[in-house]
Amino acid sequence: TTDAPTTGVDPVCVPYEPPACAPAVGTPGAASCVDDDGCGPGEVCFLIPALAQGLCSECTEDADCPGGGCTIPNPSIGSGAFCNPGAACDGCTSDAGCNDPEAARCGLIFDFPGIVQSRTCSECASDDDCPGDQPNCAPVITDLFNLGGVRRCVADCSLADGQACELGADHTCLSGHCSVALIAMVYEQGVCGECTSDADCDAGQTCLDAFVDLEANTLVGATCL
């Protein structure tokens, strides 16, 4: 089934073009730590509770970065958190870390409980930040491996198969289906696809789950087969 917009008229679906977004990536090789004493001069320990340790970093929050924001560490490559200029797609922990007027909100991109929470300077942080013709604050995943992305305001039925979507917001997908892809077996990411269940497919077909292709660094929407 499809959660269609309830405007009383059929929407004109215009495919959304994801923005170019290439934030800086941290340098691998950060020292592990349990507190600031285990780090070098000018460094702080960015703790990752689920790992019972952290990584030596430039910052733990935007307040540590004069004039910009703080990009979270990436445990998968051993890079520490670092300061950035606060441009669109740059990491942040609050709106104060964002300097681009068109990306002034610190929007949540990923939330791995007890590990890291990725937020970036975005156009919106919630639907309340969006205009009437683009009422949906949707995640745009640009770099799965480095937890990169941005939130943008998009129109109903504008996201193509394979693009990220907010779970429950089927109406933002061109297909009308936003299904779940598991990241690292702990995080549920919405992805636009052909189906959410077998009932959405032709007779005799099965709805294959959406998934994360880390080799290609991309999302793959659910498909009927």
N, C-alpha and C. Protein backbone atom coordinates (compact mmCIF):
# COMPACT_ATOMS: atom_id res chain seq x y z
N THR A 1 0.84 -1.19 0.00
CA THR A 1 0.00 0.00 0.00
C THR A 1 0.87 1.24 0.00
N THR A 2 0.30 2.37 -0.44
CA THR A 2 1.04 3.61 -0.56
C THR A 2 0.41 4.69 0.29
N ASP A 3 1.22 5.38 1.07
CA ASP A 3 0.73 6.52 1.83
C ASP A 3 0.79 7.75 0.94
N ALA A 4 -0.27 8.01 0.19
CA ALA A 4 -0.28 9.13 -0.74
C ALA A 4 -0.53 10.43 -0.01
N PRO A 5 -0.03 11.54 -0.55
CA PRO A 5 -0.30 12.83 0.06
C PRO A 5 -1.79 13.11 0.09
N THR A 6 -2.28 13.73 1.13
CA THR A 6 -3.71 13.98 1.28
C THR A 6 -4.03 15.43 0.95
N THR A 7 -3.70 15.86 -0.28
CA THR A 7 -3.93 17.24 -0.69
C THR A 7 -5.24 17.42 -1.43
N GLY A 8 -5.87 16.31 -1.82
CA GLY A 8 -7.11 16.39 -2.58
C GLY A 8 -6.88 16.45 -4.07
N VAL A 9 -5.63 16.58 -4.51
CA VAL A 9 -5.30 16.58 -5.93
C VAL A 9 -4.13 15.65 -6.14
N ASP A 10 -4.02 15.11 -7.36
CA ASP A 10 -2.90 14.24 -7.66
C ASP A 10 -1.61 15.07 -7.71
N PRO A 11 -0.56 14.63 -7.00
CA PRO A 11 0.68 15.41 -7.01
C PRO A 11 1.41 15.28 -8.33
N VAL A 12 2.17 16.30 -8.68
CA VAL A 12 3.05 16.23 -9.83
C VAL A 12 4.41 15.81 -9.30
N CYS A 13 4.82 14.62 -9.66
CA CYS A 13 6.05 14.06 -9.10
C CYS A 13 7.26 14.52 -9.90
N VAL A 14 8.14 15.23 -9.24
CA VAL A 14 9.36 15.72 -9.87
C VAL A 14 10.55 15.07 -9.18
N PRO A 15 11.33 14.25 -9.89
CA PRO A 15 12.47 13.59 -9.25
C PRO A 15 13.43 14.59 -8.61
N TYR A 16 13.90 14.24 -7.43
CA TYR A 16 14.82 15.10 -6.68
C TYR A 16 16.25 14.75 -7.06
N GLU A 17 17.05 15.77 -7.35
CA GLU A 17 18.46 15.56 -7.66
C GLU A 17 19.29 15.76 -6.39
N PRO A 18 19.91 14.71 -5.88
CA PRO A 18 20.72 14.85 -4.65
C PRO A 18 21.84 15.86 -4.85
N PRO A 19 22.16 16.62 -3.82
CA PRO A 19 23.22 17.63 -3.94
C PRO A 19 24.61 17.00 -3.91
N ALA A 20 25.54 17.68 -4.54
CA ALA A 20 26.94 17.28 -4.39
C ALA A 20 27.35 17.61 -2.96
N CYS A 21 27.95 16.65 -2.30
CA CYS A 21 28.25 16.84 -0.88
C CYS A 21 29.48 16.02 -0.54
N ALA A 22 30.59 16.69 -0.36
CA ALA A 22 31.83 15.97 -0.09
C ALA A 22 32.57 16.59 1.08
N PRO A 23 32.08 16.34 2.30
CA PRO A 23 32.77 16.89 3.47
C PRO A 23 34.13 16.22 3.66
N ALA A 24 34.99 16.90 4.39
CA ALA A 24 36.32 16.36 4.66
C ALA A 24 36.23 15.07 5.47
N VAL A 25 37.18 14.20 5.25
CA VAL A 25 37.24 12.91 5.95
C VAL A 25 38.44 12.94 6.90
N GLY A 26 38.26 12.37 8.08
CA GLY A 26 39.32 12.35 9.07
C GLY A 26 40.51 11.51 8.65
N THR A 27 41.63 11.73 9.30
CA THR A 27 42.86 11.00 9.01
C THR A 27 42.94 9.75 9.89
N PRO A 28 43.10 8.56 9.29
CA PRO A 28 43.21 7.33 10.09
C PRO A 28 44.44 7.36 11.00
N GLY A 29 44.40 6.54 12.04
CA GLY A 29 45.56 6.40 12.91
C GLY A 29 45.48 7.16 14.21
N ALA A 30 44.29 7.64 14.58
CA ALA A 30 44.16 8.34 15.86
C ALA A 30 44.42 7.37 17.00
N ALA A 31 45.07 7.85 18.04
CA ALA A 31 45.36 7.01 19.21
C ALA A 31 44.08 6.74 19.99
N SER A 32 43.99 5.53 20.54
CA SER A 32 42.84 5.21 21.40
C SER A 32 43.07 5.82 22.78
N CYS A 33 41.97 6.03 23.52
CA CYS A 33 42.08 6.69 24.81
C CYS A 33 40.87 6.34 25.68
N VAL A 34 40.99 6.62 26.96
CA VAL A 34 39.86 6.49 27.87
C VAL A 34 39.55 7.83 28.53
N ASP A 35 40.49 8.77 28.44
CA ASP A 35 40.27 10.13 28.94
C ASP A 35 41.26 11.07 28.26
N ASP A 36 41.12 12.36 28.52
CA ASP A 36 41.97 13.36 27.86
C ASP A 36 43.45 13.17 28.18
N ASP A 37 43.75 12.60 29.34
CA ASP A 37 45.15 12.42 29.74
C ASP A 37 45.90 11.49 28.79
N GLY A 38 45.16 10.65 28.08
CA GLY A 38 45.80 9.71 27.16
C GLY A 38 46.06 10.28 25.79
N CYS A 39 45.79 11.58 25.60
CA CYS A 39 45.95 12.20 24.29
C CYS A 39 47.06 13.25 24.31
N GLY A 40 47.46 13.68 23.14
CA GLY A 40 48.53 14.65 23.01
C GLY A 40 48.08 16.06 23.33
N PRO A 41 49.03 17.01 23.30
CA PRO A 41 48.71 18.41 23.57
C PRO A 41 47.63 18.94 22.62
N GLY A 42 46.64 19.61 23.18
CA GLY A 42 45.58 20.19 22.36
C GLY A 42 44.53 19.19 21.92
N GLU A 43 44.67 17.93 22.32
CA GLU A 43 43.71 16.91 21.93
C GLU A 43 42.77 16.57 23.09
N VAL A 44 41.60 16.06 22.73
CA VAL A 44 40.64 15.58 23.72
C VAL A 44 40.22 14.17 23.35
N CYS A 45 39.71 13.44 24.32
CA CYS A 45 39.29 12.06 24.07
C CYS A 45 37.80 12.04 23.74
N PHE A 46 37.47 11.68 22.52
CA PHE A 46 36.08 11.54 22.10
C PHE A 46 35.64 10.12 22.45
N LEU A 47 34.89 9.99 23.55
CA LEU A 47 34.52 8.67 24.05
C LEU A 47 33.41 8.03 23.22
N ILE A 48 33.55 6.73 23.00
CA ILE A 48 32.54 5.93 22.31
C ILE A 48 32.09 4.86 23.30
N PRO A 49 30.97 5.09 24.01
CA PRO A 49 30.57 4.24 25.13
C PRO A 49 30.53 2.75 24.81
N ALA A 50 30.01 2.38 23.66
CA ALA A 50 29.86 0.96 23.33
C ALA A 50 31.21 0.26 23.20
N LEU A 51 32.26 1.03 22.92
CA LEU A 51 33.60 0.46 22.78
C LEU A 51 34.41 0.58 24.06
N ALA A 52 33.84 1.23 25.08
CA ALA A 52 34.51 1.44 26.37
C ALA A 52 35.83 2.17 26.22
N GLN A 53 35.97 2.93 25.16
CA GLN A 53 37.14 3.76 24.95
C GLN A 53 36.80 4.83 23.91
N GLY A 54 37.79 5.58 23.51
CA GLY A 54 37.53 6.62 22.52
C GLY A 54 38.71 6.81 21.62
N LEU A 55 38.69 7.93 20.87
CA LEU A 55 39.77 8.26 19.95
C LEU A 55 40.24 9.69 20.23
N CYS A 56 41.54 9.89 20.25
CA CYS A 56 42.08 11.23 20.46
C CYS A 56 41.69 12.12 19.28
N SER A 57 41.17 13.30 19.61
CA SER A 57 40.52 14.14 18.60
C SER A 57 40.79 15.61 18.84
N GLU A 58 40.42 16.41 17.84
CA GLU A 58 40.50 17.86 17.99
C GLU A 58 39.34 18.42 18.81
N CYS A 59 38.23 17.69 18.84
CA CYS A 59 37.02 18.24 19.45
C CYS A 59 36.08 17.12 19.89
N THR A 60 35.15 17.50 20.75
CA THR A 60 34.04 16.60 21.10
C THR A 60 32.70 17.28 20.84
N GLU A 61 32.73 18.60 20.63
CA GLU A 61 31.51 19.37 20.35
C GLU A 61 31.89 20.64 19.61
N ASP A 62 30.87 21.32 19.08
CA ASP A 62 31.12 22.53 18.30
C ASP A 62 31.85 23.61 19.10
N ALA A 63 31.60 23.66 20.40
CA ALA A 63 32.22 24.68 21.24
C ALA A 63 33.75 24.59 21.24
N ASP A 64 34.28 23.42 20.86
CA ASP A 64 35.73 23.24 20.78
C ASP A 64 36.31 23.78 19.48
N CYS A 65 35.44 24.23 18.58
CA CYS A 65 35.86 24.62 17.23
C CYS A 65 35.44 26.06 16.93
N PRO A 66 36.25 27.04 17.26
CA PRO A 66 35.89 28.43 17.00
C PRO A 66 35.57 28.67 15.52
N GLY A 67 34.38 29.18 15.24
CA GLY A 67 34.02 29.51 13.87
C GLY A 67 33.54 28.35 13.03
N GLY A 68 33.31 27.18 13.63
CA GLY A 68 32.87 26.04 12.83
C GLY A 68 32.28 24.94 13.67
N GLY A 69 32.21 23.75 13.09
CA GLY A 69 31.60 22.62 13.77
C GLY A 69 32.58 21.49 14.00
N CYS A 70 32.10 20.44 14.67
CA CYS A 70 32.91 19.27 15.00
C CYS A 70 32.39 18.05 14.25
N THR A 71 33.24 17.47 13.41
CA THR A 71 32.90 16.24 12.69
C THR A 71 33.26 15.04 13.57
N ILE A 72 32.33 14.11 13.73
CA ILE A 72 32.53 12.97 14.62
C ILE A 72 33.66 12.06 14.14
N PRO A 73 34.21 11.26 15.05
CA PRO A 73 35.23 10.27 14.64
C PRO A 73 34.59 9.14 13.84
N ASN A 74 35.42 8.42 13.13
CA ASN A 74 34.97 7.24 12.40
C ASN A 74 35.74 6.03 12.92
N PRO A 75 35.14 5.27 13.85
CA PRO A 75 35.86 4.13 14.44
C PRO A 75 36.28 3.09 13.41
N SER A 76 35.56 2.99 12.29
CA SER A 76 35.87 1.95 11.31
C SER A 76 37.21 2.18 10.63
N ILE A 77 37.68 3.43 10.57
CA ILE A 77 38.99 3.69 9.98
C ILE A 77 39.96 4.28 11.01
N GLY A 78 39.48 4.43 12.26
CA GLY A 78 40.34 4.93 13.32
C GLY A 78 40.69 6.40 13.21
N SER A 79 39.78 7.20 12.65
CA SER A 79 40.03 8.64 12.55
C SER A 79 39.33 9.37 13.69
N GLY A 80 40.01 10.34 14.27
CA GLY A 80 39.43 11.11 15.36
C GLY A 80 38.51 12.20 14.87
N ALA A 81 37.77 12.80 15.79
CA ALA A 81 36.92 13.94 15.45
C ALA A 81 37.79 15.14 15.13
N PHE A 82 37.29 16.00 14.25
CA PHE A 82 38.08 17.17 13.86
C PHE A 82 37.18 18.37 13.58
N CYS A 83 37.76 19.55 13.65
CA CYS A 83 37.01 20.79 13.42
C CYS A 83 36.88 21.06 11.92
N ASN A 84 35.77 21.70 11.56
CA ASN A 84 35.49 22.04 10.17
C ASN A 84 34.96 23.47 10.10
N PRO A 85 34.84 24.04 8.89
CA PRO A 85 34.40 25.44 8.79
C PRO A 85 32.90 25.67 8.95
N GLY A 86 32.11 24.61 9.10
CA GLY A 86 30.67 24.79 9.29
C GLY A 86 29.91 25.00 8.01
N ALA A 87 30.41 24.46 6.90
CA ALA A 87 29.73 24.56 5.61
C ALA A 87 28.67 23.47 5.49
N ALA A 88 27.86 23.55 4.44
CA ALA A 88 26.85 22.52 4.19
C ALA A 88 27.52 21.15 4.14
N CYS A 89 26.92 20.18 4.80
CA CYS A 89 27.40 18.79 4.87
C CYS A 89 28.49 18.58 5.91
N ASP A 90 29.03 19.64 6.48
CA ASP A 90 30.04 19.48 7.53
C ASP A 90 29.40 18.98 8.82
N GLY A 91 30.16 18.25 9.61
CA GLY A 91 29.66 17.73 10.87
C GLY A 91 29.38 18.82 11.88
N CYS A 92 28.45 18.54 12.79
CA CYS A 92 28.08 19.51 13.82
C CYS A 92 27.45 18.78 15.00
N THR A 93 27.38 19.48 16.11
CA THR A 93 26.64 18.96 17.27
C THR A 93 25.51 19.90 17.64
N SER A 94 25.45 21.07 17.00
CA SER A 94 24.39 22.05 17.27
C SER A 94 24.30 23.01 16.09
N ASP A 95 23.23 23.79 16.04
CA ASP A 95 23.09 24.79 14.98
C ASP A 95 24.22 25.81 15.01
N ALA A 96 24.80 26.02 16.20
CA ALA A 96 25.86 27.02 16.34
C ALA A 96 27.10 26.68 15.51
N GLY A 97 27.25 25.41 15.14
CA GLY A 97 28.41 24.99 14.35
C GLY A 97 28.24 25.17 12.86
N CYS A 98 27.09 25.71 12.43
CA CYS A 98 26.78 25.82 11.00
C CYS A 98 26.80 27.28 10.56
N ASN A 99 27.57 27.60 9.51
CA ASN A 99 27.76 28.98 9.08
C ASN A 99 27.13 29.32 7.74
N ASP A 100 26.66 28.33 7.00
CA ASP A 100 26.02 28.59 5.71
C ASP A 100 24.55 28.91 5.94
N PRO A 101 24.08 30.11 5.53
CA PRO A 101 22.67 30.46 5.75
C PRO A 101 21.69 29.48 5.12
N GLU A 102 22.12 28.77 4.07
CA GLU A 102 21.25 27.80 3.42
C GLU A 102 21.40 26.41 4.03
N ALA A 103 22.26 26.28 5.00
CA ALA A 103 22.45 25.00 5.71
C ALA A 103 22.74 25.32 7.17
N ALA A 104 21.79 26.01 7.78
CA ALA A 104 22.00 26.55 9.13
C ALA A 104 21.47 25.66 10.24
N ARG A 105 20.91 24.50 9.88
CA ARG A 105 20.36 23.59 10.88
C ARG A 105 21.24 22.35 10.99
N CYS A 106 21.44 21.90 12.23
CA CYS A 106 22.25 20.70 12.47
C CYS A 106 21.31 19.49 12.45
N GLY A 107 21.28 18.79 11.32
CA GLY A 107 20.32 17.70 11.12
C GLY A 107 20.91 16.33 11.38
N LEU A 108 20.11 15.46 11.98
CA LEU A 108 20.54 14.09 12.28
C LEU A 108 20.57 13.25 11.01
N ILE A 109 21.70 12.59 10.76
CA ILE A 109 21.85 11.72 9.60
C ILE A 109 21.83 10.25 10.02
N PHE A 110 22.67 9.88 10.97
CA PHE A 110 22.72 8.51 11.49
C PHE A 110 22.74 8.55 13.02
N ASP A 111 22.17 7.52 13.63
CA ASP A 111 22.21 7.40 15.09
C ASP A 111 22.48 5.95 15.46
N PHE A 112 23.73 5.66 15.78
CA PHE A 112 24.11 4.33 16.23
C PHE A 112 24.20 4.38 17.76
N PRO A 113 23.19 3.88 18.46
CA PRO A 113 23.13 4.02 19.92
C PRO A 113 24.40 3.54 20.61
N GLY A 114 24.95 4.38 21.46
CA GLY A 114 26.14 4.02 22.22
C GLY A 114 27.43 4.09 21.43
N ILE A 115 27.34 4.38 20.14
CA ILE A 115 28.56 4.42 19.31
C ILE A 115 28.79 5.86 18.85
N VAL A 116 28.10 6.27 17.80
CA VAL A 116 28.21 7.65 17.33
C VAL A 116 26.86 8.13 16.83
N GLN A 117 26.68 9.43 16.85
CA GLN A 117 25.50 10.08 16.29
C GLN A 117 26.01 11.11 15.29
N SER A 118 25.67 10.90 14.03
CA SER A 118 26.17 11.78 12.97
C SER A 118 25.15 12.86 12.64
N ARG A 119 25.56 14.11 12.78
CA ARG A 119 24.74 15.26 12.41
C ARG A 119 25.56 16.15 11.48
N THR A 120 24.89 16.78 10.52
CA THR A 120 25.60 17.67 9.61
C THR A 120 24.81 18.95 9.38
N CYS A 121 25.51 19.98 8.95
CA CYS A 121 24.87 21.26 8.64
C CYS A 121 23.97 21.09 7.42
N SER A 122 22.69 21.34 7.62
CA SER A 122 21.68 20.97 6.64
C SER A 122 20.67 22.09 6.43
N GLU A 123 19.86 21.92 5.40
CA GLU A 123 18.78 22.87 5.14
C GLU A 123 17.70 22.78 6.20
N CYS A 124 17.53 21.60 6.78
CA CYS A 124 16.47 21.39 7.76
C CYS A 124 16.88 20.34 8.78
N ALA A 125 16.21 20.38 9.92
CA ALA A 125 16.39 19.34 10.94
C ALA A 125 15.10 18.57 11.15
N SER A 126 13.97 19.17 10.74
CA SER A 126 12.66 18.52 10.85
C SER A 126 11.74 19.11 9.79
N ASP A 127 10.58 18.50 9.61
CA ASP A 127 9.62 19.00 8.62
C ASP A 127 9.21 20.44 8.90
N ASP A 128 9.26 20.84 10.15
CA ASP A 128 8.86 22.21 10.52
C ASP A 128 9.73 23.27 9.86
N ASP A 129 10.92 22.89 9.41
CA ASP A 129 11.84 23.84 8.79
C ASP A 129 11.58 24.01 7.29
N CYS A 130 10.64 23.25 6.74
CA CYS A 130 10.47 23.18 5.29
C CYS A 130 9.25 23.96 4.79
N PRO A 131 9.30 24.47 3.55
CA PRO A 131 8.18 25.22 2.97
C PRO A 131 7.07 24.29 2.50
N GLY A 132 5.91 24.87 2.18
CA GLY A 132 4.75 24.08 1.82
C GLY A 132 4.89 23.25 0.56
N ASP A 133 5.70 23.73 -0.41
CA ASP A 133 5.85 22.97 -1.65
C ASP A 133 6.93 21.90 -1.55
N GLN A 134 7.72 21.93 -0.48
CA GLN A 134 8.73 20.91 -0.20
C GLN A 134 8.67 20.60 1.29
N PRO A 135 7.59 19.95 1.73
CA PRO A 135 7.29 19.87 3.16
C PRO A 135 8.02 18.78 3.94
N ASN A 136 8.89 18.03 3.27
CA ASN A 136 9.50 16.86 3.92
C ASN A 136 11.00 17.06 4.12
N CYS A 137 11.45 16.96 5.37
CA CYS A 137 12.89 17.03 5.66
C CYS A 137 13.46 15.62 5.54
N ALA A 138 14.13 15.36 4.43
CA ALA A 138 14.59 14.00 4.13
C ALA A 138 16.11 13.89 4.24
N PRO A 139 16.60 12.73 4.70
CA PRO A 139 18.05 12.51 4.72
C PRO A 139 18.57 12.24 3.31
N VAL A 140 19.69 12.81 2.98
CA VAL A 140 20.38 12.52 1.72
C VAL A 140 21.72 11.90 2.10
N ILE A 141 21.87 10.61 1.89
CA ILE A 141 23.10 9.90 2.27
C ILE A 141 24.10 10.02 1.13
N THR A 142 25.24 10.63 1.40
CA THR A 142 26.23 10.84 0.36
C THR A 142 27.47 9.96 0.51
N ASP A 143 27.70 9.45 1.71
CA ASP A 143 28.89 8.63 1.95
C ASP A 143 28.61 7.71 3.13
N LEU A 144 28.15 6.50 2.85
CA LEU A 144 27.82 5.56 3.91
C LEU A 144 29.03 5.22 4.77
N PHE A 145 30.16 4.99 4.12
CA PHE A 145 31.34 4.52 4.83
C PHE A 145 31.81 5.54 5.86
N ASN A 146 31.70 6.81 5.51
CA ASN A 146 32.14 7.87 6.42
C ASN A 146 30.98 8.58 7.10
N LEU A 147 29.79 7.95 7.06
CA LEU A 147 28.59 8.47 7.73
C LEU A 147 28.27 9.89 7.28
N GLY A 148 28.46 10.16 6.00
CA GLY A 148 28.24 11.49 5.46
C GLY A 148 26.87 11.66 4.84
N GLY A 149 26.37 12.87 4.90
CA GLY A 149 25.08 13.17 4.30
C GLY A 149 24.62 14.55 4.69
N VAL A 150 23.37 14.84 4.37
CA VAL A 150 22.79 16.14 4.65
C VAL A 150 21.28 15.97 4.65
N ARG A 151 20.57 16.87 5.29
CA ARG A 151 19.10 16.86 5.22
C ARG A 151 18.64 18.01 4.35
N ARG A 152 17.70 17.70 3.45
CA ARG A 152 17.16 18.69 2.53
C ARG A 152 15.63 18.62 2.53
N CYS A 153 15.00 19.73 2.21
CA CYS A 153 13.54 19.77 2.06
C CYS A 153 13.19 19.25 0.67
N VAL A 154 12.30 18.28 0.60
CA VAL A 154 11.92 17.70 -0.68
C VAL A 154 10.40 17.64 -0.81
N ALA A 155 9.93 17.60 -2.05
CA ALA A 155 8.50 17.51 -2.32
C ALA A 155 8.02 16.07 -2.14
N ASP A 156 6.71 15.91 -2.06
CA ASP A 156 6.14 14.57 -2.06
C ASP A 156 6.51 13.85 -3.35
N CYS A 157 6.59 12.53 -3.28
CA CYS A 157 6.88 11.62 -4.42
C CYS A 157 8.03 12.13 -5.29
N SER A 158 9.14 12.50 -4.66
CA SER A 158 10.27 13.05 -5.42
C SER A 158 11.54 12.21 -5.32
N LEU A 159 11.58 11.23 -4.42
CA LEU A 159 12.81 10.46 -4.19
C LEU A 159 12.80 9.17 -5.00
N ALA A 160 13.84 8.98 -5.81
CA ALA A 160 13.94 7.80 -6.68
C ALA A 160 14.33 6.56 -5.88
N ASP A 161 14.12 5.39 -6.48
CA ASP A 161 14.54 4.14 -5.86
C ASP A 161 16.04 4.19 -5.55
N GLY A 162 16.40 3.76 -4.34
CA GLY A 162 17.79 3.79 -3.93
C GLY A 162 18.18 5.02 -3.15
N GLN A 163 17.30 6.03 -3.13
CA GLN A 163 17.58 7.21 -2.31
C GLN A 163 17.06 7.00 -0.90
N ALA A 164 17.73 7.61 0.06
CA ALA A 164 17.31 7.50 1.46
C ALA A 164 15.98 8.20 1.67
N CYS A 165 15.22 7.70 2.64
CA CYS A 165 13.93 8.30 2.99
C CYS A 165 13.72 8.13 4.48
N GLU A 166 12.82 8.92 5.02
CA GLU A 166 12.47 8.82 6.43
C GLU A 166 11.48 7.67 6.59
N LEU A 167 11.79 6.71 7.47
CA LEU A 167 10.88 5.58 7.65
C LEU A 167 9.49 6.08 8.03
N GLY A 168 8.49 5.53 7.35
CA GLY A 168 7.12 5.97 7.57
C GLY A 168 6.67 7.03 6.58
N ALA A 169 7.62 7.61 5.85
CA ALA A 169 7.29 8.67 4.89
C ALA A 169 7.27 8.10 3.47
N ASP A 170 6.42 7.08 3.26
CA ASP A 170 6.31 6.46 1.93
C ASP A 170 5.99 7.49 0.85
N HIS A 171 5.24 8.52 1.22
CA HIS A 171 4.78 9.51 0.24
C HIS A 171 5.92 10.34 -0.35
N THR A 172 7.12 10.28 0.24
CA THR A 172 8.23 11.03 -0.33
C THR A 172 8.89 10.30 -1.48
N CYS A 173 8.62 9.01 -1.63
CA CYS A 173 9.24 8.19 -2.68
C CYS A 173 8.40 8.21 -3.95
N LEU A 174 9.05 8.27 -5.09
CA LEU A 174 8.36 8.18 -6.37
C LEU A 174 7.54 6.90 -6.46
N SER A 175 8.07 5.83 -5.89
CA SER A 175 7.40 4.52 -5.92
C SER A 175 6.29 4.42 -4.90
N GLY A 176 6.32 5.28 -3.88
CA GLY A 176 5.37 5.18 -2.78
C GLY A 176 5.77 4.16 -1.74
N HIS A 177 7.03 3.69 -1.77
CA HIS A 177 7.48 2.67 -0.83
C HIS A 177 8.82 3.04 -0.21
N CYS A 178 8.84 3.23 1.10
CA CYS A 178 10.08 3.47 1.86
C CYS A 178 10.28 2.28 2.78
N SER A 179 11.25 1.44 2.47
CA SER A 179 11.46 0.21 3.24
C SER A 179 12.76 0.28 4.03
N VAL A 180 13.00 -0.73 4.85
CA VAL A 180 14.11 -0.73 5.80
C VAL A 180 15.34 -1.45 5.24
N ALA A 181 16.50 -0.81 5.38
CA ALA A 181 17.79 -1.47 5.15
C ALA A 181 18.57 -1.39 6.45
N LEU A 182 19.11 -2.52 6.89
CA LEU A 182 19.88 -2.54 8.14
C LEU A 182 21.34 -2.18 7.88
N ILE A 183 21.86 -1.25 8.68
CA ILE A 183 23.27 -0.89 8.62
C ILE A 183 23.95 -1.43 9.86
N ALA A 184 24.97 -2.26 9.65
CA ALA A 184 25.72 -2.88 10.76
C ALA A 184 24.81 -3.64 11.70
N MET A 185 23.68 -4.11 11.21
CA MET A 185 22.72 -4.93 11.96
C MET A 185 22.10 -4.20 13.15
N VAL A 186 22.30 -2.88 13.24
CA VAL A 186 21.75 -2.15 14.39
C VAL A 186 20.93 -0.93 13.99
N TYR A 187 21.21 -0.35 12.82
CA TYR A 187 20.55 0.90 12.46
C TYR A 187 19.62 0.68 11.27
N GLU A 188 18.36 1.10 11.42
CA GLU A 188 17.37 0.95 10.36
C GLU A 188 17.34 2.22 9.51
N GLN A 189 17.77 2.09 8.26
CA GLN A 189 17.78 3.21 7.33
C GLN A 189 16.66 3.04 6.31
N GLY A 190 15.86 4.06 6.11
CA GLY A 190 14.83 4.01 5.09
C GLY A 190 15.42 4.18 3.70
N VAL A 191 14.91 3.38 2.74
CA VAL A 191 15.37 3.46 1.36
C VAL A 191 14.16 3.32 0.44
N CYS A 192 14.04 4.21 -0.54
CA CYS A 192 12.96 4.09 -1.51
C CYS A 192 13.20 2.89 -2.41
N GLY A 193 12.13 2.14 -2.67
CA GLY A 193 12.24 0.95 -3.52
C GLY A 193 10.91 0.58 -4.15
N GLU A 194 10.88 -0.57 -4.79
CA GLU A 194 9.69 -1.00 -5.52
C GLU A 194 8.59 -1.51 -4.61
N CYS A 195 8.93 -1.89 -3.38
CA CYS A 195 7.94 -2.57 -2.54
C CYS A 195 8.34 -2.50 -1.07
N THR A 196 7.37 -2.80 -0.22
CA THR A 196 7.66 -3.00 1.20
C THR A 196 7.22 -4.39 1.65
N SER A 197 6.43 -5.07 0.82
CA SER A 197 5.99 -6.44 1.11
C SER A 197 5.65 -7.13 -0.20
N ASP A 198 5.45 -8.45 -0.14
CA ASP A 198 5.10 -9.21 -1.34
C ASP A 198 3.81 -8.71 -1.98
N ALA A 199 2.93 -8.13 -1.17
CA ALA A 199 1.65 -7.65 -1.68
C ALA A 199 1.81 -6.51 -2.68
N ASP A 200 2.96 -5.85 -2.66
CA ASP A 200 3.21 -4.75 -3.59
C ASP A 200 3.72 -5.23 -4.94
N CYS A 201 4.01 -6.52 -5.05
CA CYS A 201 4.59 -7.08 -6.27
C CYS A 201 3.54 -7.83 -7.09
N ASP A 202 3.87 -8.11 -8.34
CA ASP A 202 2.98 -8.90 -9.19
C ASP A 202 2.85 -10.32 -8.65
N ALA A 203 1.79 -10.98 -9.05
CA ALA A 203 1.54 -12.35 -8.60
C ALA A 203 2.75 -13.24 -8.89
N GLY A 204 3.16 -14.00 -7.89
CA GLY A 204 4.29 -14.91 -8.04
C GLY A 204 5.64 -14.28 -7.73
N GLN A 205 5.67 -12.97 -7.53
CA GLN A 205 6.93 -12.30 -7.21
C GLN A 205 7.09 -12.11 -5.70
N THR A 206 8.33 -11.94 -5.29
CA THR A 206 8.67 -11.72 -3.88
C THR A 206 9.36 -10.37 -3.73
N CYS A 207 9.08 -9.70 -2.63
CA CYS A 207 9.74 -8.42 -2.34
C CYS A 207 11.06 -8.69 -1.63
N LEU A 208 12.16 -8.42 -2.31
CA LEU A 208 13.49 -8.60 -1.72
C LEU A 208 13.86 -7.36 -0.93
N ASP A 209 14.33 -7.55 0.30
CA ASP A 209 14.60 -6.44 1.20
C ASP A 209 15.62 -5.45 0.64
N ALA A 210 15.47 -4.21 1.03
CA ALA A 210 16.50 -3.20 0.76
C ALA A 210 17.77 -3.58 1.52
N PHE A 211 18.91 -3.13 1.03
CA PHE A 211 20.16 -3.46 1.72
C PHE A 211 21.21 -2.38 1.47
N VAL A 212 22.29 -2.49 2.22
CA VAL A 212 23.41 -1.57 2.11
C VAL A 212 24.54 -2.27 1.38
N ASP A 213 25.02 -1.67 0.29
CA ASP A 213 26.15 -2.21 -0.46
C ASP A 213 27.38 -1.38 -0.08
N LEU A 214 28.14 -1.88 0.90
CA LEU A 214 29.29 -1.11 1.38
C LEU A 214 30.42 -1.06 0.35
N GLU A 215 30.53 -2.09 -0.49
CA GLU A 215 31.57 -2.06 -1.51
C GLU A 215 31.34 -0.93 -2.50
N ALA A 216 30.06 -0.73 -2.86
CA ALA A 216 29.71 0.35 -3.77
C ALA A 216 29.41 1.65 -3.03
N ASN A 217 29.40 1.58 -1.69
CA ASN A 217 29.12 2.74 -0.85
C ASN A 217 27.76 3.35 -1.20
N THR A 218 26.74 2.49 -1.30
CA THR A 218 25.44 2.98 -1.71
C THR A 218 24.31 2.17 -1.08
N LEU A 219 23.10 2.72 -1.16
CA LEU A 219 21.90 2.03 -0.71
C LEU A 219 21.22 1.40 -1.91
N VAL A 220 20.58 0.26 -1.67
CA VAL A 220 19.83 -0.43 -2.73
C VAL A 220 18.42 -0.65 -2.23
N GLY A 221 17.44 -0.14 -2.96
CA GLY A 221 16.05 -0.25 -2.55
C GLY A 221 15.50 -1.65 -2.72
N ALA A 222 14.39 -1.93 -2.04
CA ALA A 222 13.72 -3.22 -2.17
C ALA A 222 13.23 -3.41 -3.60
N THR A 223 13.28 -4.66 -4.08
CA THR A 223 12.88 -4.95 -5.46
C THR A 223 11.96 -6.16 -5.51
N CYS A 224 11.10 -6.18 -6.51
CA CYS A 224 10.23 -7.32 -6.77
C CYS A 224 10.94 -8.28 -7.71
N LEU A 225 10.94 -9.56 -7.36
CA LEU A 225 11.62 -10.55 -8.19
C LEU A 225 10.83 -11.85 -8.20
